[in-house]
């Protein structure tokens, strides 16, 4: 059986890796830079940019590329889902153990929340509410009752938000909620990237008895634009971040239980 990779494909893959490395060292590179540095045509530079952007490895900008996590830009759901995938699965298993076998649970639209949702939909006596389009797409696999709140589709996060979603929320109460955040600050609490998503998160926190945050270690390295909750709004957090003793004391003082996978 032939196992050798096509040399031409290897050259393309190496060039793509080199472009991503350049972006890790520079805040922006232009398509003209790619042409000159790699000796390719303008059509090839554009094709490279499109392939890397579709994979969530870079962001397109006018005439060039930006890092996928460039400040002020929110990575796509696909790009976020690919980061620390195995870690998110472990966090999800720990989170699922803290959530009820029956009753009502709201599952937020984050990528780690989706992994929690995959486990919860196997619980026959559970009713799950969500604003996650990706979780709703698993409806044919669900043994739990699955309800999607109405709203406007936010393409970058595949979440339902906006005024219609908030009207839905006025009628609902939950035994538990599992939610995500785009950034965390030990002193200030939970942040997200967009004001309409922040409004949904605030509402589900208000309407739940048990409030669980799932957050991989990347979320602790920066905050995002919109602050939506202090730590004392939570019941517990599941994270793989090794918290320092003073950080643990601050969260525990706010009444937050800390769980690790």
Protein backbone atom coordinates (compact mmCIF):
# COMPACT_ATOMS: atom_id res chain seq x y z
CA UNK A 1 0.00 0.00 0.00
CA UNK A 2 1.34 3.45 -0.94
CA UNK A 3 1.81 5.59 2.18
CA UNK A 4 4.05 8.43 0.94
CA UNK A 5 2.46 11.85 1.02
CA UNK A 6 2.38 13.76 -2.25
CA UNK A 7 5.48 16.09 -2.18
CA UNK A 8 3.36 18.90 -3.59
CA UNK A 9 0.84 18.51 -0.74
CA UNK A 10 3.71 18.50 1.75
CA UNK A 11 4.99 21.80 0.36
CA UNK A 12 1.54 23.37 0.69
CA UNK A 13 1.15 22.11 4.28
CA UNK A 14 4.61 23.41 5.19
CA UNK A 15 3.81 26.81 3.68
CA UNK A 16 0.55 26.99 5.61
CA UNK A 17 2.33 26.16 8.87
CA UNK A 18 4.93 28.83 8.11
CA UNK A 19 2.22 31.43 7.49
CA UNK A 20 0.58 30.64 10.83
CA UNK A 21 3.99 30.88 12.55
CA UNK A 22 4.56 34.29 10.98
CA UNK A 23 1.23 35.46 12.34
CA UNK A 24 2.22 34.30 15.82
CA UNK A 25 5.22 36.66 15.55
CA UNK A 26 3.50 39.58 13.80
CA UNK A 27 0.13 41.22 14.28
CA UNK A 28 -0.62 41.14 10.55
CA UNK A 29 0.79 39.94 7.25
CA UNK A 30 -0.38 41.00 3.81
CA UNK A 31 -1.07 38.82 0.79
CA UNK A 32 1.84 40.62 -0.87
CA UNK A 33 4.07 39.46 2.01
CA UNK A 34 3.03 35.87 1.36
CA UNK A 35 3.79 36.22 -2.36
CA UNK A 36 7.29 37.60 -1.71
CA UNK A 37 8.27 35.38 1.23
CA UNK A 38 7.14 32.12 -0.37
CA UNK A 39 7.58 32.93 -4.05
CA UNK A 40 3.98 32.21 -4.96
CA UNK A 41 1.49 33.91 -7.25
CA UNK A 42 -1.19 36.30 -6.02
CA UNK A 43 -3.82 33.63 -6.79
CA UNK A 44 -1.96 31.10 -4.63
CA UNK A 45 -1.62 33.63 -1.79
CA UNK A 46 -5.36 34.28 -1.89
CA UNK A 47 -6.09 30.54 -1.94
CA UNK A 48 -3.78 29.96 1.04
CA UNK A 49 -5.54 32.73 2.94
CA UNK A 50 -8.97 31.25 2.19
CA UNK A 51 -7.94 27.73 3.25
CA UNK A 52 -6.39 28.92 6.53
CA UNK A 53 -9.36 31.15 7.33
CA UNK A 54 -11.84 28.33 6.62
CA UNK A 55 -9.89 26.14 9.05
CA UNK A 56 -10.18 28.84 11.74
CA UNK A 57 -6.40 29.27 11.93
CA UNK A 58 -6.36 32.91 10.80
CA UNK A 59 -8.71 35.84 10.27
CA UNK A 60 -9.04 37.52 6.89
CA UNK A 61 -8.64 41.28 6.77
CA UNK A 62 -8.53 43.70 3.85
CA UNK A 63 -5.50 42.64 1.83
CA UNK A 64 -4.06 40.35 4.46
CA UNK A 65 -4.38 38.07 7.48
CA UNK A 66 -4.67 38.50 11.24
CA UNK A 67 -4.14 35.90 14.00
CA UNK A 68 -7.27 33.90 14.78
CA UNK A 69 -7.24 35.26 18.35
CA UNK A 70 -6.32 38.82 17.40
CA UNK A 71 -7.61 41.24 20.12
CA UNK A 72 -11.07 42.50 19.32
CA UNK A 73 -11.84 39.56 17.05
CA UNK A 74 -13.83 36.57 18.21
CA UNK A 75 -12.73 33.21 16.78
CA UNK A 76 -15.36 31.17 14.99
CA UNK A 77 -17.19 28.37 16.79
CA UNK A 78 -15.26 25.86 14.69
CA UNK A 79 -11.92 27.39 15.65
CA UNK A 80 -12.82 27.47 19.35
CA UNK A 81 -14.11 23.89 19.29
CA UNK A 82 -10.78 22.62 17.95
CA UNK A 83 -8.78 24.13 20.82
CA UNK A 84 -8.10 21.81 23.77
CA UNK A 85 -10.73 19.39 22.48
CA UNK A 86 -9.68 16.51 24.74
CA UNK A 87 -9.54 18.85 27.74
CA UNK A 88 -13.06 20.10 27.02
CA UNK A 89 -14.31 16.51 26.91
CA UNK A 90 -12.78 15.84 30.35
CA UNK A 91 -14.27 19.05 31.75
CA UNK A 92 -17.64 18.04 30.35
CA UNK A 93 -17.57 14.65 32.08
CA UNK A 94 -16.81 16.32 35.42
CA UNK A 95 -19.53 18.92 34.87
CA UNK A 96 -22.13 16.31 33.91
CA UNK A 97 -21.57 14.51 37.21
CA UNK A 98 -22.61 17.71 39.03
CA UNK A 99 -25.84 18.14 37.07
CA UNK A 100 -29.20 16.46 37.76
CA UNK A 101 -30.47 13.27 36.16
CA UNK A 102 -33.97 14.75 36.00
CA UNK A 103 -35.54 18.19 36.05
CA UNK A 104 -34.67 21.21 33.90
CA UNK A 105 -31.20 22.32 32.78
CA UNK A 106 -30.21 25.22 30.55
CA UNK A 107 -27.13 24.56 28.40
CA UNK A 108 -25.33 27.66 27.12
CA UNK A 109 -23.88 27.98 23.61
CA UNK A 110 -20.16 27.59 24.37
CA UNK A 111 -17.98 24.86 22.89
CA UNK A 112 -17.35 23.16 26.25
CA UNK A 113 -21.05 23.50 27.05
CA UNK A 114 -21.76 21.59 23.83
CA UNK A 115 -19.64 18.71 25.16
CA UNK A 116 -21.65 18.78 28.39
CA UNK A 117 -24.84 18.79 26.33
CA UNK A 118 -23.74 15.69 24.43
CA UNK A 119 -23.72 13.84 27.76
CA UNK A 120 -26.91 15.34 29.14
CA UNK A 121 -29.05 14.45 26.13
CA UNK A 122 -28.65 10.79 27.14
CA UNK A 123 -30.71 11.40 30.31
CA UNK A 124 -34.31 10.39 29.61
CA UNK A 125 -35.83 12.25 32.57
CA UNK A 126 -34.14 15.56 31.82
CA UNK A 127 -35.60 18.55 30.01
CA UNK A 128 -32.87 20.62 28.39
CA UNK A 129 -33.30 24.20 27.24
CA UNK A 130 -30.62 25.80 25.09
CA UNK A 131 -29.69 28.66 22.77
CA UNK A 132 -27.00 26.50 21.11
CA UNK A 133 -27.69 25.73 17.47
CA UNK A 134 -25.05 22.99 17.50
CA UNK A 135 -26.74 21.24 20.42
CA UNK A 136 -30.16 21.49 18.79
CA UNK A 137 -28.64 19.82 15.73
CA UNK A 138 -28.24 16.69 17.91
CA UNK A 139 -31.99 16.49 18.56
CA UNK A 140 -32.37 13.21 16.66
CA UNK A 141 -29.87 11.60 19.08
CA UNK A 142 -31.45 12.99 22.23
CA UNK A 143 -33.27 10.85 24.78
CA UNK A 144 -33.85 13.97 26.91
CA UNK A 145 -36.54 16.50 26.05
CA UNK A 146 -34.78 19.26 24.12
CA UNK A 147 -36.18 22.79 23.75
CA UNK A 148 -34.60 25.60 21.73
CA UNK A 149 -35.29 29.16 22.80
CA UNK A 150 -36.18 31.54 19.98
CA UNK A 151 -33.89 34.30 18.85
CA UNK A 152 -31.56 35.74 16.25
CA UNK A 153 -28.66 33.59 15.03
CA UNK A 154 -25.24 34.97 15.92
CA UNK A 155 -23.11 33.30 13.27
CA UNK A 156 -19.70 33.51 14.94
CA UNK A 157 -20.85 31.65 18.06
CA UNK A 158 -23.87 29.77 16.62
CA UNK A 159 -25.92 31.10 19.52
CA UNK A 160 -29.49 32.40 19.56
CA UNK A 161 -29.65 35.85 21.15
CA UNK A 162 -31.55 39.11 21.02
CA UNK A 163 -34.93 40.41 22.11
CA UNK A 164 -36.92 37.30 21.13
CA UNK A 165 -34.63 35.07 23.16
CA UNK A 166 -34.96 37.36 26.17
CA UNK A 167 -38.76 37.29 25.92
CA UNK A 168 -38.59 33.48 26.02
CA UNK A 169 -36.44 33.64 29.12
CA UNK A 170 -39.08 35.60 31.05
CA UNK A 171 -41.26 32.47 31.15
CA UNK A 172 -38.63 29.98 32.27
CA UNK A 173 -36.95 28.72 35.45
CA UNK A 174 -34.27 26.03 35.68
CA UNK A 175 -32.97 23.60 38.25
CA UNK A 176 -29.47 24.13 36.88
CA UNK A 177 -27.58 26.01 34.21
CA UNK A 178 -24.22 25.20 32.65
CA UNK A 179 -22.62 28.21 31.02
CA UNK A 180 -19.42 29.43 29.45
CA UNK A 181 -17.41 32.65 29.41
CA UNK A 182 -14.97 34.13 26.89
CA UNK A 183 -12.67 35.48 29.60
CA UNK A 184 -12.24 35.27 33.36
CA UNK A 185 -10.71 37.59 35.93
CA UNK A 186 -10.07 36.35 39.46
CA UNK A 187 -11.07 39.72 40.91
CA UNK A 188 -13.89 40.84 38.62
CA UNK A 189 -15.55 37.65 37.42
CA UNK A 190 -16.96 36.57 34.07
CA UNK A 191 -16.69 38.26 30.66
CA UNK A 192 -17.98 37.62 27.16
CA UNK A 193 -17.44 39.21 23.77
CA UNK A 194 -20.84 40.56 22.85
CA UNK A 195 -23.58 42.43 24.67
CA UNK A 196 -26.52 40.33 23.43
CA UNK A 197 -24.86 37.10 24.54
CA UNK A 198 -24.09 38.77 27.86
CA UNK A 199 -27.80 39.54 28.29
CA UNK A 200 -28.75 35.88 27.78
CA UNK A 201 -26.09 34.70 30.22
CA UNK A 202 -27.28 37.19 32.83
CA UNK A 203 -30.86 35.98 32.44
CA UNK A 204 -30.06 32.28 32.76
CA UNK A 205 -28.01 32.97 35.89
CA UNK A 206 -30.96 34.83 37.42
CA UNK A 207 -33.36 32.00 36.65
CA UNK A 208 -31.43 28.99 37.92
CA UNK A 209 -31.01 27.37 41.32
CA UNK A 210 -27.61 25.82 40.56
CA UNK A 211 -25.19 27.78 38.36
CA UNK A 212 -22.18 25.95 36.93
CA UNK A 213 -19.40 27.49 34.84
CA UNK A 214 -17.20 25.30 32.63
CA UNK A 215 -13.94 26.94 31.55
CA UNK A 216 -10.69 25.60 30.12
CA UNK A 217 -7.39 27.16 31.15
CA UNK A 218 -7.25 29.50 28.14
CA UNK A 219 -10.17 31.52 29.50
CA UNK A 220 -8.14 32.65 32.53
CA UNK A 221 -5.44 34.35 30.49
CA UNK A 222 -7.51 37.35 29.42
CA UNK A 223 -10.82 39.13 29.81
CA UNK A 224 -13.25 39.98 27.03
CA UNK A 225 -15.27 43.11 26.28
CA UNK A 226 -18.45 42.67 28.33
CA UNK A 227 -18.57 41.84 32.04
CA UNK A 228 -21.74 39.85 32.75
CA UNK A 229 -21.40 38.40 36.26
CA UNK A 230 -19.34 38.51 39.46
CA UNK A 231 -18.08 35.28 40.99
CA UNK A 232 -20.80 35.22 43.63
CA UNK A 233 -23.37 34.70 40.86
CA UNK A 234 -22.04 31.14 40.49
CA UNK A 235 -22.48 27.96 42.50
CA UNK A 236 -19.46 26.16 41.07
CA UNK A 237 -16.76 26.17 38.40
CA UNK A 238 -15.21 23.24 36.54
CA UNK A 239 -11.77 24.08 35.16
CA UNK A 240 -8.41 22.51 34.36
CA UNK A 241 -6.61 25.67 35.47
CA UNK A 242 -4.42 25.02 38.52
CA UNK A 243 -5.55 27.90 40.69
CA UNK A 244 -3.13 29.53 43.09
CA UNK A 245 -4.03 29.43 46.83
CA UNK A 246 -5.04 33.10 46.86
CA UNK A 247 -7.22 32.56 43.78
CA UNK A 248 -8.92 29.60 45.43
CA UNK A 249 -9.59 31.67 48.54
CA UNK A 250 -11.21 34.46 46.51
CA UNK A 251 -13.55 32.09 44.69
CA UNK A 252 -14.42 30.15 47.83
CA UNK A 253 -15.11 33.41 49.67
CA UNK A 254 -17.62 34.19 46.91
CA UNK A 255 -19.32 30.84 47.58
CA UNK A 256 -17.96 29.10 44.47
CA UNK A 257 -17.04 25.40 44.67
CA UNK A 258 -14.05 24.49 42.50
CA UNK A 259 -13.93 21.20 40.57
CA UNK A 260 -11.18 19.79 38.35
CA UNK A 261 -11.32 16.85 35.94
